[in-house]
N, C-alpha and C. Protein backbone atom coordinates (compact mmCIF):
# COMPACT_ATOMS: atom_id res chain seq x y z
N MET A 1 92.80 130.71 -4.68
CA MET A 1 93.34 130.14 -5.95
C MET A 1 92.74 129.27 -6.96
N GLU A 2 92.85 127.81 -6.19
CA GLU A 2 90.89 126.63 -6.30
C GLU A 2 89.78 127.50 -6.86
N LEU A 3 89.26 128.53 -6.08
CA LEU A 3 88.16 128.91 -6.04
C LEU A 3 88.09 129.81 -7.28
N MET A 4 89.40 130.86 -7.51
CA MET A 4 89.25 131.24 -8.94
C MET A 4 89.21 130.83 -9.90
N ILE A 5 89.91 129.15 -10.16
CA ILE A 5 89.77 128.20 -11.35
C ILE A 5 88.22 127.78 -11.15
N THR A 6 87.50 127.50 -9.75
CA THR A 6 86.08 127.13 -10.01
C THR A 6 85.28 128.02 -11.04
N VAL A 7 85.78 129.26 -10.74
CA VAL A 7 84.49 130.60 -10.76
C VAL A 7 85.03 130.49 -12.55
N VAL A 8 85.94 130.47 -12.96
CA VAL A 8 86.52 130.42 -14.59
C VAL A 8 86.01 129.05 -15.22
N ILE A 9 85.67 127.84 -14.69
CA ILE A 9 85.38 127.01 -15.06
C ILE A 9 83.87 127.32 -15.08
N ILE A 10 82.88 127.62 -14.25
CA ILE A 10 81.67 127.91 -14.40
C ILE A 10 81.48 128.85 -15.48
N ALA A 11 82.05 129.60 -15.34
CA ALA A 11 81.74 131.21 -16.42
C ALA A 11 81.85 130.57 -17.88
N ILE A 12 82.66 129.08 -17.88
CA ILE A 12 83.15 129.52 -19.26
C ILE A 12 81.83 127.79 -19.63
N LEU A 13 81.37 127.15 -19.07
CA LEU A 13 80.45 126.63 -19.01
C LEU A 13 79.18 127.26 -19.26
N ALA A 14 78.61 128.68 -18.59
CA ALA A 14 77.76 129.19 -18.58
C ALA A 14 77.72 129.68 -20.13
N ALA A 15 78.92 130.23 -20.46
CA ALA A 15 78.82 131.11 -21.81
C ALA A 15 78.72 130.01 -22.90
N ILE A 16 78.80 128.68 -22.81
CA ILE A 16 78.74 127.68 -23.64
C ILE A 16 76.90 127.69 -23.80
N ALA A 17 76.58 126.94 -22.74
CA ALA A 17 75.24 126.60 -22.33
C ALA A 17 74.17 127.54 -22.52
N TRP A 18 74.03 129.34 -22.11
CA TRP A 18 73.09 129.98 -22.45
C TRP A 18 72.92 130.21 -23.96
N PRO A 19 73.47 130.27 -24.95
CA PRO A 19 73.21 130.45 -25.82
C PRO A 19 72.21 128.98 -26.63
N ILE A 20 72.94 127.92 -26.36
CA ILE A 20 72.11 126.70 -26.35
C ILE A 20 70.34 126.73 -25.80
N TYR A 21 70.56 127.15 -24.71
CA TYR A 21 69.48 126.95 -23.75
C TYR A 21 68.31 128.42 -24.58
N SER A 22 68.93 129.44 -25.09
CA SER A 22 68.34 130.19 -25.61
C SER A 22 67.32 130.09 -26.71
N LYS A 23 68.51 128.88 -27.78
CA LYS A 23 67.63 128.65 -29.15
C LYS A 23 66.49 127.99 -28.79
N TYR A 24 67.06 126.73 -27.91
CA TYR A 24 65.76 125.65 -27.60
C TYR A 24 64.86 126.51 -26.87
N MET A 25 64.72 127.22 -26.14
CA MET A 25 63.68 128.22 -25.86
C MET A 25 62.47 128.65 -26.96
N VAL A 26 63.51 129.22 -27.69
CA VAL A 26 63.02 129.99 -29.32
C VAL A 26 62.02 128.73 -30.24
N LYS A 27 62.85 127.61 -30.21
CA LYS A 27 62.52 126.52 -30.80
C LYS A 27 61.03 125.91 -30.53
N THR A 28 61.20 125.89 -28.67
CA THR A 28 60.05 124.91 -28.33
C THR A 28 58.90 125.98 -28.53
N ARG A 29 58.77 127.42 -28.07
CA ARG A 29 57.85 128.25 -28.04
C ARG A 29 56.93 128.78 -29.75
N ARG A 30 58.15 128.34 -30.58
CA ARG A 30 57.58 128.17 -32.27
C ARG A 30 56.99 127.01 -32.57
N VAL A 31 57.14 125.83 -31.87
CA VAL A 31 56.45 124.78 -32.11
C VAL A 31 55.14 124.30 -31.36
N ALA A 32 55.11 125.06 -30.19
CA ALA A 32 53.93 125.31 -29.52
C ALA A 32 52.51 126.45 -30.18
N ALA A 33 53.38 127.57 -31.24
CA ALA A 33 52.78 128.38 -31.78
C ALA A 33 51.93 127.46 -32.87
N GLU A 34 53.02 126.61 -33.48
CA GLU A 34 52.33 125.97 -34.06
C GLU A 34 51.27 125.24 -34.17
N GLY A 35 51.68 124.33 -33.33
CA GLY A 35 50.49 123.60 -32.75
C GLY A 35 48.86 124.34 -32.26
N CYS A 36 49.11 125.65 -32.09
CA CYS A 36 48.32 126.49 -31.73
C CYS A 36 47.53 126.90 -33.06
N LEU A 37 48.46 127.20 -34.09
CA LEU A 37 47.79 127.20 -35.76
C LEU A 37 46.81 126.72 -35.97
N SER A 38 47.54 125.24 -35.36
CA SER A 38 46.47 123.92 -35.93
C SER A 38 45.37 124.01 -35.25
N GLU A 39 45.45 124.37 -34.03
CA GLU A 39 43.90 123.94 -33.33
C GLU A 39 42.93 125.51 -33.95
N TYR A 40 43.66 126.59 -34.17
CA TYR A 40 42.67 127.15 -34.98
C TYR A 40 42.40 126.92 -36.14
N ALA A 41 43.24 126.24 -37.30
CA ALA A 41 42.97 125.77 -38.18
C ALA A 41 41.37 124.29 -37.86
N ASN A 42 41.65 124.01 -36.60
CA ASN A 42 40.73 123.04 -36.59
C ASN A 42 39.19 123.79 -36.11
N TYR A 43 39.35 124.75 -35.32
CA TYR A 43 38.18 125.97 -35.38
C TYR A 43 37.73 126.13 -36.20
N MET A 44 38.09 126.66 -37.78
CA MET A 44 37.95 126.75 -38.81
C MET A 44 36.94 125.87 -39.65
N GLU A 45 37.94 124.58 -39.60
CA GLU A 45 37.25 123.23 -40.26
C GLU A 45 35.61 123.34 -39.50
N ARG A 46 35.57 123.47 -38.14
CA ARG A 46 34.29 122.85 -37.49
C ARG A 46 33.12 123.86 -38.04
N TYR A 47 33.27 125.02 -38.12
CA TYR A 47 32.79 126.40 -39.05
C TYR A 47 31.87 125.85 -39.83
N TYR A 48 33.56 125.64 -41.14
CA TYR A 48 33.07 125.43 -42.50
C TYR A 48 32.48 124.04 -42.24
N THR A 49 32.23 123.24 -41.76
CA THR A 49 31.30 121.91 -41.38
C THR A 49 29.98 122.67 -41.30
N THR A 50 29.80 123.04 -40.41
CA THR A 50 28.28 123.57 -39.98
C THR A 50 27.73 124.91 -41.11
N HIS A 51 28.45 125.70 -41.19
CA HIS A 51 27.96 126.37 -42.53
C HIS A 51 28.52 126.56 -43.98
N LEU A 52 29.16 125.56 -44.49
CA LEU A 52 29.76 126.06 -45.59
C LEU A 52 30.38 126.53 -45.97
N ARG A 53 30.84 127.88 -44.99
CA ARG A 53 31.45 128.50 -45.42
C ARG A 53 32.73 129.12 -44.27
N TYR A 54 33.56 129.86 -44.65
CA TYR A 54 34.56 130.22 -43.80
C TYR A 54 34.51 131.58 -43.70
N ASN A 55 33.62 132.62 -44.61
CA ASN A 55 33.20 133.76 -44.27
C ASN A 55 31.87 133.97 -43.44
N ASN A 56 31.54 134.88 -43.44
CA ASN A 56 29.94 135.61 -42.83
C ASN A 56 29.15 135.86 -44.11
N ASP A 57 28.33 135.57 -44.14
CA ASP A 57 27.49 136.02 -45.05
C ASP A 57 26.42 137.05 -44.78
N GLY A 58 26.08 137.03 -43.46
CA GLY A 58 24.93 138.02 -43.23
C GLY A 58 23.85 136.66 -42.10
N ALA A 59 23.70 135.64 -42.83
CA ALA A 59 22.68 134.98 -42.06
C ALA A 59 23.10 133.59 -41.09
N THR A 60 24.58 133.92 -41.39
CA THR A 60 25.01 133.11 -40.29
C THR A 60 25.64 133.61 -39.16
N PRO A 61 26.16 133.42 -38.22
CA PRO A 61 26.79 133.77 -36.44
C PRO A 61 28.22 134.01 -37.56
N PRO A 62 28.55 135.42 -37.10
CA PRO A 62 29.80 135.64 -37.66
C PRO A 62 31.21 134.51 -37.29
N VAL A 63 32.30 134.16 -38.23
CA VAL A 63 33.02 133.92 -38.46
C VAL A 63 33.75 134.08 -36.97
N ALA A 64 34.99 132.94 -37.01
CA ALA A 64 36.24 133.17 -36.58
C ALA A 64 36.87 134.90 -36.50
N ASN A 65 36.99 135.62 -35.25
CA ASN A 65 37.67 136.66 -35.78
C ASN A 65 38.61 137.03 -34.87
N THR A 66 39.30 137.86 -34.50
CA THR A 66 41.03 138.00 -33.49
C THR A 66 40.28 137.69 -32.16
N LYS A 67 38.63 138.46 -31.96
CA LYS A 67 38.35 138.27 -30.42
C LYS A 67 38.18 137.16 -30.31
N ASP A 68 37.49 136.33 -31.31
CA ASP A 68 37.10 134.67 -30.92
C ASP A 68 38.38 134.16 -31.14
N LEU A 69 39.39 134.50 -31.56
CA LEU A 69 40.86 133.68 -31.99
C LEU A 69 41.67 133.45 -30.49
N ALA A 70 41.10 134.56 -29.85
CA ALA A 70 42.27 134.99 -28.53
C ALA A 70 41.86 134.41 -27.48
N ASN A 71 40.35 133.51 -27.56
CA ASN A 71 39.32 132.43 -27.11
C ASN A 71 40.13 131.31 -26.27
N LEU A 72 40.60 130.89 -27.63
CA LEU A 72 41.18 129.41 -27.22
C LEU A 72 42.35 128.99 -26.41
N SER A 73 42.48 128.26 -25.64
CA SER A 73 43.27 128.31 -24.75
C SER A 73 44.81 128.40 -25.10
N CYS A 74 44.98 128.03 -26.08
CA CYS A 74 46.90 128.13 -26.65
C CYS A 74 47.27 129.31 -26.49
N ALA A 75 46.35 129.94 -26.77
CA ALA A 75 46.82 131.74 -27.05
C ALA A 75 47.09 132.45 -25.28
N GLY A 76 47.09 131.70 -24.81
CA GLY A 76 46.37 132.23 -23.37
C GLY A 76 48.02 132.84 -22.79
N ASN A 77 47.91 133.56 -22.07
CA ASN A 77 49.29 134.06 -21.50
C ASN A 77 50.25 133.13 -20.90
N SER A 78 49.53 132.10 -20.37
CA SER A 78 50.17 130.73 -19.44
C SER A 78 50.50 129.95 -20.99
N GLN A 79 50.08 129.89 -21.89
CA GLN A 79 50.82 129.10 -23.10
C GLN A 79 51.48 129.99 -23.92
N THR A 80 51.29 130.63 -25.22
CA THR A 80 51.94 130.67 -26.24
C THR A 80 51.47 132.32 -26.44
N GLY A 81 50.63 132.78 -25.66
CA GLY A 81 50.34 134.42 -25.91
C GLY A 81 51.21 135.45 -25.37
N ARG A 82 52.27 135.03 -24.25
CA ARG A 82 53.20 135.96 -24.44
C ARG A 82 54.03 136.25 -25.54
N PHE A 83 54.09 134.89 -26.37
CA PHE A 83 54.98 135.24 -27.22
C PHE A 83 54.45 135.34 -28.56
N TYR A 84 53.47 135.37 -28.80
CA TYR A 84 52.61 135.28 -30.17
C TYR A 84 51.40 135.96 -30.24
N THR A 85 50.90 136.34 -31.14
CA THR A 85 49.76 136.94 -31.31
C THR A 85 49.10 136.05 -32.43
N TYR A 86 48.07 136.03 -32.39
CA TYR A 86 47.25 135.03 -33.67
C TYR A 86 46.45 136.36 -33.94
N ASP A 87 46.09 135.84 -35.10
CA ASP A 87 45.18 136.83 -36.45
C ASP A 87 44.45 135.81 -37.43
N LEU A 88 43.41 136.61 -37.74
CA LEU A 88 42.97 135.66 -39.26
C LEU A 88 42.56 137.22 -39.53
N PRO A 89 43.38 137.19 -40.94
CA PRO A 89 43.25 138.81 -41.20
C PRO A 89 41.94 138.74 -42.20
N ALA A 90 41.33 139.77 -41.80
CA ALA A 90 39.91 140.11 -42.84
C ALA A 90 40.09 139.54 -44.37
N ALA A 91 41.40 140.18 -45.07
CA ALA A 91 41.94 140.18 -46.93
C ALA A 91 41.81 138.65 -46.87
N SER A 92 41.85 137.68 -46.04
CA SER A 92 42.35 136.46 -46.24
C SER A 92 41.15 135.34 -45.85
N LEU A 93 40.04 136.08 -45.87
CA LEU A 93 38.76 135.16 -44.79
C LEU A 93 38.03 135.46 -46.10
N THR A 94 37.32 134.13 -47.18
CA THR A 94 36.78 133.89 -48.27
C THR A 94 35.80 132.92 -47.86
N VAL A 95 34.66 132.70 -48.83
CA VAL A 95 33.82 131.31 -48.72
C VAL A 95 34.32 130.16 -48.64
N SER A 96 35.67 130.05 -49.30
CA SER A 96 36.12 128.94 -49.17
C SER A 96 37.90 128.77 -48.79
N ALA A 97 38.19 130.02 -48.29
CA ALA A 97 39.47 129.84 -47.89
C ALA A 97 39.63 130.76 -46.43
N TYR A 98 40.87 130.66 -46.24
CA TYR A 98 41.25 131.62 -44.92
C TYR A 98 42.87 131.34 -44.79
N VAL A 99 43.64 132.27 -43.88
CA VAL A 99 45.29 132.50 -43.95
C VAL A 99 45.04 132.79 -41.97
N LEU A 100 45.72 132.16 -41.42
CA LEU A 100 45.70 132.25 -39.84
C LEU A 100 47.21 132.94 -39.96
N THR A 101 47.31 133.66 -39.15
CA THR A 101 48.74 134.02 -38.61
C THR A 101 49.32 134.10 -37.56
N ALA A 102 50.32 133.50 -37.20
CA ALA A 102 51.07 134.08 -35.96
C ALA A 102 52.35 134.66 -35.64
N THR A 103 52.10 135.69 -35.15
CA THR A 103 53.13 136.76 -35.42
C THR A 103 53.89 136.54 -34.08
N PRO A 104 55.44 136.46 -34.45
CA PRO A 104 56.06 136.61 -32.20
C PRO A 104 56.31 137.95 -32.13
N GLN A 105 56.26 138.12 -30.62
CA GLN A 105 56.17 139.52 -29.97
C GLN A 105 57.36 139.34 -29.20
N GLY A 106 57.96 140.54 -28.66
CA GLY A 106 59.00 140.49 -27.75
C GLY A 106 60.05 139.93 -27.99
N VAL A 107 60.78 139.05 -26.89
CA VAL A 107 61.94 138.05 -26.86
C VAL A 107 61.74 136.71 -27.85
N GLN A 108 60.89 136.57 -28.24
CA GLN A 108 60.41 135.71 -28.96
C GLN A 108 60.86 136.38 -31.02
N ALA A 109 60.49 137.50 -30.90
CA ALA A 109 60.77 137.94 -32.55
C ALA A 109 61.94 138.50 -32.46
N THR A 110 62.87 138.52 -31.38
CA THR A 110 64.07 138.84 -31.53
C THR A 110 65.25 138.09 -31.75
N GLY A 111 64.43 136.70 -31.37
CA GLY A 111 65.56 135.27 -31.35
C GLY A 111 65.04 134.85 -32.24
N ASP A 112 63.65 134.75 -33.31
CA ASP A 112 63.46 133.89 -33.82
C ASP A 112 63.22 134.78 -35.43
N THR A 113 64.39 135.52 -35.61
CA THR A 113 64.53 135.97 -37.52
C THR A 113 64.20 134.94 -38.57
N LYS A 114 64.95 133.66 -37.86
CA LYS A 114 65.03 132.60 -38.97
C LYS A 114 63.48 132.34 -39.39
N CYS A 115 62.23 132.12 -38.41
CA CYS A 115 61.00 131.88 -39.29
C CYS A 115 60.38 133.51 -39.49
N GLY A 116 60.20 133.90 -38.31
CA GLY A 116 59.52 135.30 -38.40
C GLY A 116 58.18 134.79 -38.28
N LYS A 117 56.78 135.68 -38.94
CA LYS A 117 55.69 135.29 -39.10
C LYS A 117 55.60 134.10 -39.71
N LEU A 118 54.54 133.29 -38.96
CA LEU A 118 54.11 132.13 -39.37
C LEU A 118 52.62 132.35 -40.10
N SER A 119 52.05 130.52 -41.03
CA SER A 119 50.94 130.80 -41.27
C SER A 119 50.48 129.40 -41.71
N LEU A 120 48.96 129.66 -41.76
CA LEU A 120 48.09 128.16 -42.29
C LEU A 120 47.52 128.74 -42.79
N ASP A 121 46.97 127.62 -43.69
CA ASP A 121 45.78 128.02 -44.59
C ASP A 121 44.63 127.04 -44.73
N GLN A 122 43.86 126.93 -45.48
CA GLN A 122 42.79 126.04 -45.48
C GLN A 122 43.44 124.53 -45.99
N THR A 123 44.26 124.94 -46.92
CA THR A 123 44.66 123.85 -47.66
C THR A 123 45.99 122.89 -46.65
N GLY A 124 45.73 123.43 -45.09
CA GLY A 124 47.20 122.94 -44.46
C GLY A 124 48.98 123.39 -44.90
N ALA A 125 48.55 124.68 -46.22
CA ALA A 125 49.65 124.96 -46.68
C ALA A 125 50.42 125.90 -45.66
N ARG A 126 51.56 125.65 -44.73
CA ARG A 126 52.44 126.15 -43.75
C ARG A 126 53.63 127.27 -44.39
N GLY A 127 53.86 128.76 -44.11
CA GLY A 127 54.29 129.37 -44.28
C GLY A 127 55.39 130.17 -42.92
N ALA A 128 56.36 130.89 -43.16
CA ALA A 128 57.15 131.48 -42.78
C ALA A 128 57.58 132.86 -43.47
N ASP A 129 57.80 134.07 -42.83
CA ASP A 129 58.18 134.83 -43.56
C ASP A 129 59.71 135.27 -43.08
N GLY A 130 60.28 134.41 -42.52
CA GLY A 130 61.90 134.34 -42.15
C GLY A 130 62.68 134.06 -42.89
N THR A 131 64.08 134.51 -42.77
CA THR A 131 65.26 134.29 -43.29
C THR A 131 65.44 133.13 -43.68
N ASP A 132 65.14 132.22 -42.84
CA ASP A 132 65.06 130.71 -43.32
C ASP A 132 63.88 129.73 -43.12
N PRO A 133 62.43 130.53 -43.80
CA PRO A 133 61.43 129.83 -43.82
C PRO A 133 61.43 128.04 -44.36
N GLY A 134 62.15 127.63 -44.61
CA GLY A 134 61.97 126.54 -45.02
C GLY A 134 62.64 125.43 -44.11
N SER A 135 63.04 125.50 -42.71
CA SER A 135 63.25 124.73 -42.08
C SER A 135 62.12 125.08 -40.39
N CYS A 136 61.29 125.75 -40.75
CA CYS A 136 60.60 126.50 -39.78
C CYS A 136 59.11 125.33 -39.20
N TRP A 137 58.73 124.57 -39.80
CA TRP A 137 58.07 123.38 -39.60
C TRP A 137 58.26 122.12 -39.70
């Protein structure tokens, strides 16, 4: 009887703790992705400082693209790469503007409907396309 009571108590505690832990992990991964977007923004600003433009005019080396973005350590599988993919959409890349995006993948996508895809542009404007984007950053 005592063993059964102990098992019931542990089950109740687990039922309470697991959802809280899951929400914490989703939020932690999101904050890590936001930090990674900031790293990419720093990369873009360094490129702009050197070439005075964000896009490629043919005479300068190519600007960051999805392949280059994947080379930053924050996007590796040991960091946020298993939960987010990072992109610099070509349509957003001009002489004076860019928009970086972080799209949740797998378990992060299903657990983080509140924020969804995160974005950061050259002005530092932050965005999210989830159900409650105001509380994401």
